[in-house]
Protein backbone atom coordinates (compact mmCIF):
# COMPACT_ATOMS: atom_id res chain seq x y z
CA MET A 1 48.89 12.03 10.93
CA SER A 2 46.69 8.93 10.30
CA ALA A 3 50.03 6.90 9.31
CA GLN A 4 51.67 8.29 12.54
CA ILE A 5 48.93 6.76 14.39
CA GLU A 6 49.02 3.67 12.57
CA LEU A 7 52.80 3.27 13.88
CA VAL A 8 51.42 3.23 17.52
CA SER A 9 49.42 -0.27 17.58
CA ALA A 10 47.17 -1.09 20.76
CA ARG A 11 49.86 -3.78 21.62
CA ALA A 12 52.21 -0.99 22.37
CA VAL A 13 49.85 0.94 24.35
CA HIS A 14 48.65 -2.41 26.17
CA GLY A 15 51.90 -4.08 26.56
CA PRO A 16 52.18 -7.78 26.08
CA GLU A 17 48.87 -9.72 26.23
CA ALA A 18 48.32 -12.62 28.53
CA VAL A 19 48.45 -16.37 27.51
CA PRO A 20 46.80 -19.34 28.86
CA ASP A 21 48.72 -22.00 30.14
CA LEU A 22 48.72 -24.29 26.88
CA ALA A 23 51.00 -26.76 28.12
CA SER A 24 47.82 -27.95 30.77
CA ALA A 25 45.48 -27.67 27.86
CA ASP A 26 43.78 -31.26 27.05
CA ARG A 27 42.50 -29.94 23.62
CA ILE A 28 42.90 -26.57 21.67
CA ILE A 29 40.29 -25.68 19.35
CA MET A 30 41.15 -23.05 16.60
CA SER A 31 38.08 -21.84 15.26
CA ASN A 32 38.80 -20.70 11.74
CA SER A 33 36.63 -18.86 9.56
CA GLY A 34 39.15 -18.72 6.44
CA GLY A 35 39.27 -14.65 7.37
CA GLU A 36 42.32 -12.72 7.70
CA ASP A 37 42.35 -12.21 11.63
CA SER A 38 41.54 -16.30 11.84
CA ILE A 39 44.74 -17.26 10.03
CA ALA A 40 46.44 -14.34 11.77
CA ALA A 41 45.39 -15.69 15.33
CA MET A 42 45.95 -19.55 13.98
CA ASP A 43 49.41 -18.19 13.06
CA GLU A 44 50.00 -16.77 16.60
CA SER A 45 48.71 -19.50 18.43
CA VAL A 46 50.71 -22.16 16.45
CA ARG A 47 54.11 -20.26 17.50
CA LEU A 48 52.61 -20.21 21.06
CA ALA A 49 51.82 -23.63 21.14
CA ASP A 50 55.14 -25.04 19.69
CA ASP A 51 56.97 -22.99 22.21
CA ALA A 52 54.88 -25.08 24.62
CA GLY A 53 55.30 -28.15 22.90
CA VAL A 54 51.79 -29.00 22.39
CA ARG A 55 50.92 -28.55 18.67
CA ASP A 56 49.75 -32.05 18.50
CA ARG A 57 46.95 -30.92 20.94
CA ILE A 58 45.23 -28.66 18.62
CA VAL A 59 42.40 -28.99 15.99
CA VAL A 60 41.16 -26.74 13.61
CA LEU A 61 37.11 -26.01 13.34
CA HIS A 62 35.84 -24.61 10.58
CA ILE A 63 31.74 -23.79 10.64
CA ASP A 64 30.25 -24.00 7.02
CA LEU A 65 27.28 -21.30 6.89
CA GLY A 66 25.29 -23.64 4.11
CA LEU A 67 23.60 -22.84 0.94
CA THR A 68 20.73 -20.55 0.12
CA PRO A 69 17.63 -21.87 -1.53
CA ARG A 70 19.17 -20.96 -4.73
CA GLY A 71 22.20 -23.13 -3.94
CA HIS A 72 24.78 -20.32 -3.44
CA THR A 73 27.24 -20.95 -0.82
CA VAL A 74 26.92 -18.24 2.09
CA GLU A 75 30.59 -18.17 2.49
CA TRP A 76 32.90 -17.11 -0.66
CA PRO A 77 33.23 -19.54 -2.90
CA GLY A 78 36.51 -21.95 -1.79
CA THR A 79 36.28 -20.68 1.50
CA VAL A 80 36.28 -24.33 3.18
CA ASP A 81 38.73 -25.42 0.97
CA LEU A 82 40.95 -22.38 1.78
CA ALA A 83 40.47 -23.08 5.46
CA ARG A 84 41.47 -26.50 5.01
CA ARG A 85 44.48 -25.36 3.36
CA GLN A 86 45.33 -23.33 6.22
CA ALA A 87 45.36 -25.87 8.38
CA ASP A 88 47.17 -28.27 6.27
CA TYR A 89 49.80 -25.47 6.39
CA TYR A 90 50.71 -26.13 9.83
CA GLY A 91 49.75 -29.79 9.51
CA LEU A 92 46.93 -29.94 11.81
CA PRO A 93 43.73 -31.79 11.84
CA PHE A 94 40.55 -30.25 10.35
CA GLU A 95 37.07 -30.38 10.84
CA VAL A 96 33.60 -29.05 9.31
CA ARG A 97 30.84 -28.54 11.45
CA ARG A 98 27.27 -26.93 10.51
CA MET A 99 24.60 -25.23 12.16
CA ALA A 100 21.80 -27.87 13.38
CA LYS A 101 18.70 -25.53 13.23
CA TRP A 102 19.17 -23.67 10.20
CA PRO A 103 19.91 -25.26 6.51
CA SER A 104 22.12 -21.92 6.26
CA LEU A 105 22.96 -18.24 7.86
CA PHE A 106 20.58 -16.94 5.17
CA HIS A 107 17.67 -19.10 6.15
CA ARG A 108 18.17 -17.83 9.67
CA ILE A 109 18.10 -14.41 7.95
CA ARG A 110 15.13 -14.73 6.33
CA ALA A 111 13.14 -16.77 9.09
CA ARG A 112 13.98 -13.77 11.69
CA GLY A 113 13.74 -10.87 9.51
CA GLN A 114 17.08 -9.34 10.44
CA PHE A 115 19.98 -8.66 8.56
CA PRO A 116 23.66 -8.86 10.63
CA HIS A 117 25.16 -5.61 11.48
CA LEU A 118 27.46 -4.65 14.41
CA MET A 119 24.61 -4.54 17.06
CA THR A 120 23.24 -7.97 15.69
CA ARG A 121 26.18 -10.38 15.18
CA PHE A 122 24.00 -13.42 15.20
CA CYS A 123 26.47 -15.11 12.67
CA THR A 124 28.80 -15.48 15.93
CA SER A 125 26.37 -16.46 17.97
CA GLU A 126 24.95 -19.25 15.49
CA LYS A 127 28.57 -20.43 15.16
CA ARG A 128 28.81 -20.28 19.02
CA GLY A 129 26.68 -23.12 19.83
CA VAL A 130 27.86 -25.10 16.59
CA ALA A 131 31.46 -24.69 18.76
CA HIS A 132 30.06 -25.55 21.93
CA ARG A 133 28.59 -28.92 20.17
CA PHE A 134 32.16 -29.61 18.94
CA MET A 135 33.36 -29.43 22.29
CA THR A 136 31.21 -31.99 23.78
CA GLU A 137 32.67 -34.24 20.94
CA GLN A 138 36.26 -33.28 21.59
CA VAL A 139 35.50 -33.82 25.45
CA ASN A 140 34.01 -37.54 24.80
CA ALA A 141 36.76 -38.55 22.52
CA LEU A 142 39.57 -37.39 25.09
CA GLY A 143 38.03 -39.49 27.79
CA VAL A 144 39.33 -37.36 30.64
CA THR A 145 38.13 -38.66 34.33
CA GLY A 146 38.70 -37.19 37.57
CA ARG A 147 38.44 -33.78 36.78
CA PRO A 148 36.87 -31.55 33.93
CA ALA A 149 38.93 -31.59 30.71
CA ARG A 150 40.44 -28.48 29.99
CA ILE A 151 39.85 -26.68 26.77
CA VAL A 152 41.35 -23.90 24.98
CA HIS A 153 39.14 -22.03 22.60
CA VAL A 154 41.02 -19.78 19.85
CA MET A 155 39.23 -17.01 17.94
CA GLY A 156 40.48 -14.40 15.86
CA PHE A 157 38.59 -11.52 17.65
CA ARG A 158 39.98 -8.10 17.50
CA ALA A 159 39.30 -4.72 19.55
CA GLU A 160 38.99 -2.79 16.58
CA GLU A 161 36.07 -4.53 15.17
CA SER A 162 33.52 -3.18 17.95
CA HIS A 163 33.53 -1.30 21.50
CA ALA A 164 32.39 -4.77 22.79
CA ARG A 165 35.68 -6.60 21.74
CA ALA A 166 37.66 -4.15 22.64
CA ARG A 167 36.28 -4.52 26.22
CA ARG A 168 37.36 -8.13 26.41
CA PRO A 169 40.47 -9.46 27.97
CA ALA A 170 42.68 -11.72 25.59
CA VAL A 171 42.23 -14.73 27.69
CA GLU A 172 38.64 -15.21 29.85
CA VAL A 173 36.99 -18.53 31.05
CA ASP A 174 33.90 -19.01 29.12
CA ARG A 175 31.59 -19.81 31.82
CA ARG A 176 28.51 -20.41 29.26
CA ALA A 177 30.61 -23.25 27.99
CA SER A 178 32.02 -24.56 30.58
CA ASN A 179 30.45 -27.23 32.41
CA GLY A 180 30.79 -30.20 35.24
CA ARG A 181 32.43 -31.95 32.21
CA ARG A 182 34.97 -29.32 30.75
CA THR A 183 36.64 -25.51 31.29
CA VAL A 184 36.81 -23.63 28.46
CA THR A 185 39.21 -20.98 27.96
CA GLN A 186 38.61 -18.34 25.31
CA TRP A 187 41.84 -17.29 23.90
CA TYR A 188 41.70 -13.92 21.54
CA PRO A 189 45.64 -13.99 20.24
CA VAL A 190 45.40 -10.98 17.91
CA LEU A 191 42.81 -8.84 20.09
CA ARG A 192 44.79 -6.03 20.01
CA TRP A 193 46.61 -6.13 16.31
CA SER A 194 45.65 -3.76 13.74
CA THR A 195 44.56 -4.66 10.64
CA ALA A 196 47.83 -3.61 9.36
CA GLU A 197 49.55 -5.88 11.74
CA VAL A 198 47.47 -8.81 10.46
CA TRP A 199 48.41 -8.35 6.89
CA GLN A 200 51.83 -7.67 7.78
CA ARG A 201 51.81 -11.18 9.47
CA ILE A 202 50.05 -12.76 6.74
CA ARG A 203 52.56 -11.07 4.28
CA ASP A 204 55.79 -11.79 6.26
CA ARG A 205 55.04 -15.49 6.50
CA GLY A 206 52.93 -16.21 3.08
CA LEU A 207 50.05 -17.67 4.74
CA PRO A 208 47.51 -18.58 2.38
CA TYR A 209 44.57 -16.17 2.18
CA HIS A 210 41.13 -15.68 0.25
CA TRP A 211 41.24 -13.82 -3.38
CA ALA A 212 38.25 -11.81 -2.32
CA TYR A 213 40.69 -9.49 -0.39
CA ASP A 214 42.59 -8.64 -3.68
CA ALA A 215 39.39 -8.03 -5.59
CA GLY A 216 38.80 -5.19 -2.95
CA MET A 217 36.75 -6.67 -0.04
CA SER A 218 37.60 -5.84 3.15
CA ARG A 219 35.81 -8.63 5.15
CA GLN A 220 36.11 -12.00 3.59
CA LEU A 221 33.72 -14.35 5.62
CA VAL A 222 29.98 -14.01 4.00
CA GLN A 223 29.38 -12.75 0.47
CA PRO A 224 27.55 -9.68 0.28
CA MET A 225 23.74 -10.32 0.14
CA ARG A 226 20.95 -8.37 -1.53
CA PRO A 227 18.18 -8.71 1.26
CA GLY A 228 15.85 -11.40 0.47
CA LEU A 229 17.95 -12.54 -2.38
CA GLY A 230 20.99 -13.89 -1.44
CA PRO A 231 24.50 -13.69 -2.32
CA GLY A 232 24.52 -10.96 -5.10
CA PRO A 233 26.84 -7.74 -6.12
CA ASP A 234 28.87 -5.93 -3.73
CA VAL A 235 26.49 -4.34 -1.52
CA ARG A 236 28.83 -2.35 0.79
CA GLY A 237 26.70 0.55 0.86
CA TRP A 238 23.61 -1.37 1.95
CA THR A 239 22.27 -0.87 5.69
CA PRO A 240 19.37 -2.41 7.65
CA ALA A 241 17.62 0.93 7.48
CA ARG A 242 17.83 0.50 3.89
CA ALA A 243 16.15 -3.09 3.93
CA GLY A 244 13.11 -2.41 2.04
CA ALA A 245 14.63 -0.04 -0.33
């Protein structure tokens, strides 16, 4: 029964997703964590950008989550290099930025006494601020005059990850990121894709992905952490309620 359900994807139920007007975009920023959803979203958005003849307007942004006080990378080792290779796969410019307020995501967790989970995705919220600052850099470099610069921001969000993401449209104006100098359109090209569809695209296209998936991890972005100690052995059974255990 589960196999039959898997054959009916959200894309089949909802039909074709909306696509932003890429030909009118001044800059297309692809946020790439190095994870499976990011590379699938990149592949799909590059395909559609090629259809519109605007691959040259794309820049790939990776937000480095920093080092713990013990010098461990918060992300899996090799993640930044992987994200660079993924951009190189398409011949795209690649930029790395870091959080301004915290040396790393780990420092943010320790200072606030909160560990991320589905209800507190502050990893995403911290990255949002970095992305907004990068958009300002891009607008300054573009030098558009007489109107706001048009920015399309690509992210690998998928509806399966949470109820909140499931309620999102595939294309929406980001009013928090938009201002008098820029209009930002958020685009989630794999929003209705299933996990199986993401991995089918990766395999069919031979896209580079992180070795952690082959080691059994379902989520690659951040190394498993022992609360208060930093990255350590796989603690997939840990939940916020057990933080003091």
